């Protein structure tokens, strides 16, 4: 007799610790096979792009297809430098966290192209609402490394005065909105900013990024509804790096074939992109920015990538995935792929690459020594204690005044 007890489906990842990862089940389209529509395309007519994948770099490291952005070599070298600096910075900062010199850190290993190419495809005057793995945007926009480090160690030069976790940067001068640890909040905020820009007749475009796990949050759906309803000049980016903090992407994706397909239900132009292909990311972001600037509304982009390292310094991925999974990822490393493309063009070589890598390591080490001159996490000096009562209310109410008096500051 069949049991009357309800049975629930709980998705599990394809590979568990100890398994040999095999990604042959993934359907990865050939580079250059995706068609590039006009920027005024209706969202409903982008289903092929939401199901497929925009890829530009082929297995020979050549740029092919309609999405080839035909970027000049000097711009490609600049992008390569930004990605390399992001990785060098990440490696150094994680080591410093392990040494107890900061409380927390999150690397973006394997996802550098998503942030760097995305930022370079936009104007510096465009507004960005990032998540906590888009530090590459800061490098692409010229943020001072010392200032970034001072924030992470919460010293006297921390522009956030110790009020945010490390890597939760903000930079108003660079149109970089404060990163929120409450996942998903930046999506509707970005749409609201974009709507305000449109109301002011500004040509400013707004972009935001979340991870695949955050698409299960209510803020995600609210943002897509508003973006579609008001044709906001916004680019809504989902970084599908296969994992939330410790759950595989199939928990958040449901029965949708791709995350990009979720955008079609809201009538948004929706594209799935090879997130480890610098040229594909640049092309998709540039197309979406042109579309928004011309008044054709929002775009929704899924970047198919892989989180090559832990979610954060508080996470141990060996507890939920094979240790060799990152090296088996079929879309490769974004830095290596762009480097090989430049070498194929005759615009780069291994010797120059090694020289740049050494110079960037020296820059990061030198920058950290300078950052520590403004104070360390343990020994200070930190932001002045009275600053905890500032920058929230124009006129402090009696409770804050009393609390400050009780502290004697």
Protein backbone atom coordinates (compact mmCIF):
# COMPACT_ATOMS: atom_id res chain seq x y z
CA UNK A 1 0.00 0.00 0.00
CA UNK A 2 1.43 3.36 -0.99
CA UNK A 3 2.38 5.66 1.84
CA UNK A 4 0.08 8.64 2.40
CA UNK A 5 2.92 10.70 3.86
CA UNK A 6 3.93 13.69 1.72
CA UNK A 7 7.26 13.45 -0.04
CA UNK A 8 9.32 16.55 -0.75
CA UNK A 9 11.87 17.17 -3.43
CA UNK A 10 15.13 18.55 -2.05
CA UNK A 11 17.61 19.29 -4.88
CA UNK A 12 21.17 18.16 -4.32
CA UNK A 13 24.36 19.10 -6.16
CA UNK A 14 25.59 16.71 -8.82
CA UNK A 15 28.89 16.20 -7.02
CA UNK A 16 29.64 15.80 -3.33
CA UNK A 17 32.96 15.80 -1.44
CA UNK A 18 35.03 12.83 -2.57
CA UNK A 19 33.34 12.59 -5.98
CA UNK A 20 35.21 13.05 -9.24
CA UNK A 21 33.61 16.13 -10.88
CA UNK A 22 32.54 15.71 -14.50
CA UNK A 23 30.90 18.65 -16.24
CA UNK A 24 30.20 16.86 -19.52
CA UNK A 25 26.47 17.18 -18.79
CA UNK A 26 26.61 20.97 -19.27
CA UNK A 27 25.30 22.23 -22.59
CA UNK A 28 27.76 24.98 -23.49
CA UNK A 29 27.09 26.59 -26.88
CA UNK A 30 29.90 27.21 -29.33
CA UNK A 31 31.59 30.60 -29.11
CA UNK A 32 30.13 33.00 -31.66
CA UNK A 33 26.87 31.11 -32.11
CA UNK A 34 24.61 33.59 -30.30
CA UNK A 35 22.85 36.21 -32.40
CA UNK A 36 23.08 39.86 -31.36
CA UNK A 37 19.75 41.71 -31.58
CA UNK A 38 19.19 45.43 -31.93
CA UNK A 39 19.07 47.36 -28.66
CA UNK A 40 15.34 48.00 -29.07
CA UNK A 41 14.48 44.29 -29.07
CA UNK A 42 11.39 43.34 -27.07
CA UNK A 43 12.14 41.29 -23.98
CA UNK A 44 9.92 38.42 -25.18
CA UNK A 45 12.12 38.08 -28.26
CA UNK A 46 15.28 37.27 -26.28
CA UNK A 47 14.35 33.74 -25.22
CA UNK A 48 17.11 32.25 -27.39
CA UNK A 49 19.68 34.40 -25.56
CA UNK A 50 18.23 33.45 -22.17
CA UNK A 51 18.43 29.75 -22.98
CA UNK A 52 21.74 29.87 -24.85
CA UNK A 53 24.93 31.67 -23.92
CA UNK A 54 26.82 34.63 -25.30
CA UNK A 55 30.41 33.54 -25.84
CA UNK A 56 33.11 35.37 -27.83
CA UNK A 57 36.43 33.64 -27.14
CA UNK A 58 36.71 30.25 -28.82
CA UNK A 59 38.97 27.31 -27.91
CA UNK A 60 41.78 28.90 -29.95
CA UNK A 61 41.48 32.13 -27.90
CA UNK A 62 40.15 34.01 -30.93
CA UNK A 63 37.22 36.46 -30.81
CA UNK A 64 34.37 35.24 -33.00
CA UNK A 65 30.72 35.99 -33.72
CA UNK A 66 28.36 38.95 -33.72
CA UNK A 67 29.01 39.76 -30.06
CA UNK A 68 32.72 40.42 -30.58
CA UNK A 69 33.08 43.96 -29.14
CA UNK A 70 36.27 44.54 -31.17
CA UNK A 71 38.05 46.21 -28.28
CA UNK A 72 41.41 47.84 -28.94
CA UNK A 73 44.43 45.92 -27.56
CA UNK A 74 45.33 48.69 -25.13
CA UNK A 75 41.86 48.44 -23.55
CA UNK A 76 42.22 44.67 -23.32
CA UNK A 77 45.59 45.06 -21.60
CA UNK A 78 44.02 47.51 -19.18
CA UNK A 79 41.30 44.98 -18.41
CA UNK A 80 43.88 42.26 -17.90
CA UNK A 81 45.78 44.46 -15.45
CA UNK A 82 42.64 45.25 -13.46
CA UNK A 83 41.75 41.56 -13.22
CA UNK A 84 45.27 40.60 -12.20
CA UNK A 85 45.37 43.35 -9.57
CA UNK A 86 42.02 42.19 -8.21
CA UNK A 87 43.35 38.66 -7.78
CA UNK A 88 46.67 39.74 -6.27
CA UNK A 89 44.82 42.03 -3.87
CA UNK A 90 42.41 39.24 -2.89
CA UNK A 91 45.23 36.77 -2.22
CA UNK A 92 47.15 39.25 -0.06
CA UNK A 93 44.09 40.35 1.89
CA UNK A 94 43.03 36.79 2.68
CA UNK A 95 46.53 36.02 3.97
CA UNK A 96 46.35 39.09 6.18
CA UNK A 97 42.97 37.96 7.52
CA UNK A 98 44.45 34.55 8.36
CA UNK A 99 47.20 36.39 10.23
CA UNK A 100 44.59 38.19 12.32
CA UNK A 101 45.12 41.60 10.75
CA UNK A 102 41.48 41.93 9.69
CA UNK A 103 38.31 40.24 10.84
CA UNK A 104 36.83 38.95 7.59
CA UNK A 105 37.40 38.77 3.84
CA UNK A 106 35.71 37.60 0.63
CA UNK A 107 37.64 36.79 -2.54
CA UNK A 108 36.36 36.99 -6.11
CA UNK A 109 38.66 34.35 -7.61
CA UNK A 110 37.38 33.20 -10.98
CA UNK A 111 34.84 36.02 -11.25
CA UNK A 112 37.13 38.95 -11.98
CA UNK A 113 35.92 39.45 -15.55
CA UNK A 114 32.32 39.98 -14.43
CA UNK A 115 33.20 43.04 -12.36
CA UNK A 116 36.08 44.47 -14.40
CA UNK A 117 34.62 44.07 -17.89
CA UNK A 118 31.23 45.18 -16.64
CA UNK A 119 32.65 48.40 -15.19
CA UNK A 120 34.77 49.11 -18.26
CA UNK A 121 31.74 48.70 -20.56
CA UNK A 122 29.90 51.43 -18.65
CA UNK A 123 30.68 55.08 -18.11
CA UNK A 124 32.35 56.11 -14.86
CA UNK A 125 29.40 58.47 -14.37
CA UNK A 126 27.00 55.51 -14.33
CA UNK A 127 25.83 54.34 -10.91
CA UNK A 128 26.61 50.88 -9.58
CA UNK A 129 24.96 48.92 -6.77
CA UNK A 130 27.33 45.98 -6.29
CA UNK A 131 27.37 42.93 -4.09
CA UNK A 132 30.40 41.86 -2.08
CA UNK A 133 32.33 40.15 -4.89
CA UNK A 134 32.63 43.06 -7.30
CA UNK A 135 35.78 44.72 -5.92
CA UNK A 136 37.07 44.66 -9.50
CA UNK A 137 34.74 47.59 -10.25
CA UNK A 138 36.75 49.71 -7.82
CA UNK A 139 40.02 48.87 -9.53
CA UNK A 140 38.52 49.55 -12.96
CA UNK A 141 37.31 52.96 -11.75
CA UNK A 142 40.64 53.90 -10.18
CA UNK A 143 39.88 53.58 -6.47
CA UNK A 144 42.92 54.11 -4.27
CA UNK A 145 44.17 50.73 -2.99
CA UNK A 146 45.31 52.19 0.31
CA UNK A 147 41.81 53.53 0.98
CA UNK A 148 40.34 50.10 0.24
CA UNK A 149 42.74 48.48 2.68
CA UNK A 150 42.13 51.09 5.37
CA UNK A 151 38.45 50.22 5.21
CA UNK A 152 39.20 46.50 5.57
CA UNK A 153 41.30 47.01 8.70
CA UNK A 154 38.94 49.67 10.09
CA UNK A 155 41.66 52.17 10.96
CA UNK A 156 41.50 55.95 11.27
CA UNK A 157 41.38 56.38 7.47
CA UNK A 158 38.44 54.01 6.96
CA UNK A 159 35.91 56.09 5.03
CA UNK A 160 33.15 54.05 6.69
CA UNK A 161 34.53 54.71 10.20
CA UNK A 162 34.39 51.05 11.20
CA UNK A 163 30.65 50.77 10.58
CA UNK A 164 30.78 48.09 7.92
CA UNK A 165 32.29 44.64 7.58
CA UNK A 166 35.52 44.47 5.57
CA UNK A 167 34.95 44.34 1.77
CA UNK A 168 31.60 46.12 2.21
CA UNK A 169 33.00 49.15 0.43
CA UNK A 170 31.38 52.42 -0.47
CA UNK A 171 32.74 55.21 -2.64
CA UNK A 172 30.34 58.04 -3.39
CA UNK A 173 32.85 59.89 -5.56
CA UNK A 174 33.12 56.83 -7.80
CA UNK A 175 29.33 56.32 -8.03
CA UNK A 176 29.75 53.09 -6.07
CA UNK A 177 26.84 52.53 -3.67
CA UNK A 178 27.52 51.09 -0.21
CA UNK A 179 27.55 47.29 -0.25
CA UNK A 180 24.86 45.70 1.90
CA UNK A 181 25.32 42.51 3.89
CA UNK A 182 21.54 42.03 3.72
CA UNK A 183 21.42 40.19 0.43
CA UNK A 184 19.26 41.52 -2.37
CA UNK A 185 18.52 45.00 -1.05
CA UNK A 186 20.66 46.60 -3.76
CA UNK A 187 18.42 45.31 -6.61
CA UNK A 188 15.30 47.41 -5.87
CA UNK A 189 17.52 50.29 -4.74
CA UNK A 190 19.22 50.25 -8.14
CA UNK A 191 15.87 50.26 -9.93
CA UNK A 192 14.72 53.19 -7.80
CA UNK A 193 17.89 55.12 -8.58
CA UNK A 194 17.43 54.39 -12.28
CA UNK A 195 13.81 55.57 -12.18
CA UNK A 196 14.93 58.81 -10.52
CA UNK A 197 17.61 59.32 -13.18
CA UNK A 198 15.00 58.86 -15.89
CA UNK A 199 12.68 61.33 -14.16
CA UNK A 200 15.49 63.90 -14.18
CA UNK A 201 16.11 63.33 -17.92
CA UNK A 202 19.62 62.13 -17.12
CA UNK A 203 21.38 59.66 -19.41
CA UNK A 204 22.91 57.93 -16.39
CA UNK A 205 22.58 54.14 -16.42
CA UNK A 206 22.40 52.11 -13.22
CA UNK A 207 23.65 48.55 -12.72
CA UNK A 208 23.43 46.10 -9.87
CA UNK A 209 24.82 42.63 -9.13
CA UNK A 210 23.60 39.77 -6.94
CA UNK A 211 24.50 36.09 -6.65
CA UNK A 212 22.40 33.17 -7.83
CA UNK A 213 21.23 32.36 -4.30
CA UNK A 214 19.82 35.86 -3.85
CA UNK A 215 17.32 35.30 -6.67
CA UNK A 216 15.30 33.38 -4.06
CA UNK A 217 14.82 36.61 -2.08
CA UNK A 218 11.68 38.72 -2.40
CA UNK A 219 13.73 41.83 -3.26
CA UNK A 220 14.76 40.14 -6.51
CA UNK A 221 11.18 39.79 -7.72
CA UNK A 222 10.17 43.25 -6.57
CA UNK A 223 13.07 44.78 -8.47
CA UNK A 224 12.24 42.94 -11.71
CA UNK A 225 8.61 43.98 -11.47
CA UNK A 226 9.49 47.67 -11.02
CA UNK A 227 12.18 47.56 -13.73
CA UNK A 228 9.72 46.09 -16.22
CA UNK A 229 6.76 48.29 -15.29
CA UNK A 230 8.63 51.58 -15.47
CA UNK A 231 11.19 50.67 -18.16
CA UNK A 232 13.95 51.77 -15.81
CA UNK A 233 17.41 52.36 -17.37
CA UNK A 234 18.94 49.63 -15.23
CA UNK A 235 21.03 46.51 -15.80
CA UNK A 236 20.20 43.72 -13.36
CA UNK A 237 23.07 41.22 -13.16
CA UNK A 238 22.92 37.77 -11.59
CA UNK A 239 26.29 36.11 -11.01
CA UNK A 240 25.60 32.39 -11.21
CA UNK A 241 28.81 31.08 -9.67
CA UNK A 242 27.07 27.76 -8.89
CA UNK A 243 26.92 28.25 -5.11
CA UNK A 244 25.37 30.46 -2.45
CA UNK A 245 27.22 30.38 0.87
CA UNK A 246 26.96 26.59 1.07
CA UNK A 247 24.04 25.55 -1.12
CA UNK A 248 24.22 24.65 -4.78
CA UNK A 249 22.53 26.88 -7.35
CA UNK A 250 19.81 24.32 -7.99
CA UNK A 251 18.15 25.34 -4.71
CA UNK A 252 17.46 28.86 -6.03
CA UNK A 253 16.90 28.08 -9.71
CA UNK A 254 13.87 25.83 -9.15
CA UNK A 255 12.75 24.19 -12.39
CA UNK A 256 13.88 27.05 -14.61
CA UNK A 257 16.40 25.86 -17.24
CA UNK A 258 18.59 28.94 -16.64
CA UNK A 259 18.56 31.91 -14.29
CA UNK A 260 18.29 34.17 -17.34
CA UNK A 261 14.89 32.65 -18.12
CA UNK A 262 13.52 34.20 -14.94
CA UNK A 263 13.77 37.64 -16.55
CA UNK A 264 11.49 36.68 -19.44
CA UNK A 265 8.55 36.27 -17.08
CA UNK A 266 8.81 39.97 -16.35
CA UNK A 267 9.14 40.97 -20.00
CA UNK A 268 12.80 41.95 -19.62
CA UNK A 269 15.45 41.53 -22.28
CA UNK A 270 17.31 38.57 -20.81
CA UNK A 271 20.74 37.23 -21.70
CA UNK A 272 22.93 34.40 -20.44
CA UNK A 273 26.66 35.11 -20.73
CA UNK A 274 29.89 33.19 -20.29
CA UNK A 275 31.07 35.00 -17.15
CA UNK A 276 34.67 33.85 -17.60
CA UNK A 277 34.93 35.44 -21.04
CA UNK A 278 36.05 39.07 -20.65
CA UNK A 279 34.94 40.00 -24.18
CA UNK A 280 31.50 38.42 -23.79
CA UNK A 281 30.89 40.20 -20.47
CA UNK A 282 32.03 43.52 -21.96
CA UNK A 283 29.83 43.07 -25.02
CA UNK A 284 26.71 42.18 -23.05
CA UNK A 285 27.12 45.04 -20.58
CA UNK A 286 27.85 47.55 -23.34
CA UNK A 287 24.77 46.40 -25.26
CA UNK A 288 22.59 46.64 -22.16
CA UNK A 289 23.97 50.09 -21.28
CA UNK A 290 23.26 51.38 -24.79
CA UNK A 291 19.76 49.91 -24.59
CA UNK A 292 19.07 51.64 -21.26
CA UNK A 293 20.59 54.96 -22.36
CA UNK A 294 18.45 54.99 -25.49
CA UNK A 295 15.26 54.60 -23.46
CA UNK A 296 14.49 50.97 -24.27
CA UNK A 297 14.37 49.87 -20.65
CA UNK A 298 16.02 47.36 -18.39
CA UNK A 299 18.11 44.31 -19.21
CA UNK A 300 18.64 41.20 -17.10
CA UNK A 301 21.90 39.28 -17.43
CA UNK A 302 23.01 35.93 -15.99
CA UNK A 303 26.76 35.37 -15.83
CA UNK A 304 27.56 31.66 -15.91
CA UNK A 305 30.69 31.30 -13.82
CA UNK A 306 32.21 29.41 -10.91
CA UNK A 307 33.24 30.50 -7.42
CA UNK A 308 36.76 29.08 -7.39
CA UNK A 309 37.37 29.73 -3.71
CA UNK A 310 35.42 29.76 -0.45
CA UNK A 311 32.35 31.95 -0.04
CA UNK A 312 34.30 33.90 2.59
CA UNK A 313 36.95 33.37 5.23
CA UNK A 314 34.14 31.94 7.40
CA UNK A 315 33.42 29.15 4.90
CA UNK A 316 35.04 25.78 4.12
CA UNK A 317 33.85 24.59 0.69
CA UNK A 318 35.47 21.16 1.14
CA UNK A 319 32.46 20.34 3.30
CA UNK A 320 30.03 20.54 0.39
CA UNK A 321 31.91 20.11 -2.93
CA UNK A 322 34.89 18.19 -4.29
CA UNK A 323 38.26 19.86 -3.82
CA UNK A 324 39.06 19.39 -7.52
CA UNK A 325 35.84 20.89 -8.82
CA UNK A 326 37.23 24.36 -9.55
CA UNK A 327 40.05 22.99 -11.70
CA UNK A 328 37.53 20.86 -13.65
CA UNK A 329 35.29 23.83 -14.48
CA UNK A 330 35.02 23.78 -18.30
CA UNK A 331 34.92 27.56 -18.90
CA UNK A 332 38.42 28.07 -17.57
CA UNK A 333 40.02 31.02 -15.84
CA UNK A 334 39.07 34.55 -17.02
CA UNK A 335 42.59 35.92 -16.58
CA UNK A 336 44.22 33.07 -18.48
CA UNK A 337 41.67 33.31 -21.28
CA UNK A 338 42.20 37.02 -21.83
CA UNK A 339 45.96 36.65 -21.52
CA UNK A 340 45.98 33.92 -24.20
CA UNK A 341 43.75 36.04 -26.44
CA UNK A 342 46.21 38.93 -26.24
CA UNK A 343 49.13 36.59 -26.89
CA UNK A 344 47.30 35.28 -29.95
CA UNK A 345 46.93 38.86 -31.19
CA UNK A 346 50.65 39.43 -30.73
CA UNK A 347 49.86 42.06 -28.08
CA UNK A 348 51.20 40.22 -25.02
CA UNK A 349 53.65 37.52 -23.94
CA UNK A 350 54.54 35.40 -20.91
CA UNK A 351 57.52 37.55 -19.98
CA UNK A 352 55.42 40.74 -19.83
CA UNK A 353 52.75 38.85 -17.90
CA UNK A 354 55.19 37.68 -15.24
CA UNK A 355 56.70 41.16 -14.99
CA UNK A 356 53.26 42.71 -14.48
CA UNK A 357 52.32 40.10 -11.89
CA UNK A 358 55.49 40.86 -9.92
CA UNK A 359 54.89 44.62 -10.11
CA UNK A 360 51.30 44.24 -8.90
CA UNK A 361 52.40 42.11 -5.97
CA UNK A 362 54.94 44.75 -5.01
CA UNK A 363 52.28 47.45 -5.32
CA UNK A 364 49.90 45.61 -3.01
CA UNK A 365 52.59 44.95 -0.39
CA UNK A 366 53.68 48.60 -0.49
CA UNK A 367 50.07 49.78 -0.25
CA UNK A 368 49.41 47.67 2.81
CA UNK A 369 52.46 49.07 4.59
CA UNK A 370 51.11 52.54 3.90
CA UNK A 371 47.63 51.53 5.07
CA UNK A 372 49.01 50.35 8.40
CA UNK A 373 50.60 53.76 8.92
CA UNK A 374 47.04 55.00 9.53
CA UNK A 375 46.43 52.38 12.20
CA UNK A 376 45.90 48.65 12.63
CA UNK A 377 42.87 46.63 13.63
CA UNK A 378 44.24 45.77 17.06
CA UNK A 379 46.35 48.77 18.00
CA UNK A 380 44.54 51.64 16.28
CA UNK A 381 44.19 54.49 15.92
CA UNK A 382 40.60 53.85 14.92
CA UNK A 383 37.86 56.34 14.07
CA UNK A 384 37.09 58.65 17.02
CA UNK A 385 34.48 57.24 19.41
CA UNK A 386 32.14 60.28 19.01
CA UNK A 387 31.81 59.42 15.31
CA UNK A 388 29.46 56.54 16.17
CA UNK A 389 26.79 59.15 16.87
CA UNK A 390 27.29 61.05 13.61
CA UNK A 391 26.14 60.87 9.98
CA UNK A 392 22.67 59.43 10.62
CA UNK A 393 20.46 62.29 11.84
CA UNK A 394 20.82 65.91 10.90
CA UNK A 395 19.63 66.75 14.39
CA UNK A 396 20.28 64.10 17.02
CA UNK A 397 17.32 63.15 19.18
CA UNK A 398 17.49 63.11 22.98
CA UNK A 399 18.30 59.38 23.18
CA UNK A 400 21.51 59.72 21.20
CA UNK A 401 22.45 62.82 23.14
CA UNK A 402 21.92 60.97 26.42
CA UNK A 403 23.89 57.94 25.23
CA UNK A 404 26.77 60.14 24.19
CA UNK A 405 26.71 61.89 27.56
CA UNK A 406 26.71 58.54 29.35
CA UNK A 407 29.84 57.58 27.39
CA UNK A 408 31.46 60.85 28.31
CA UNK A 409 32.36 61.71 24.72
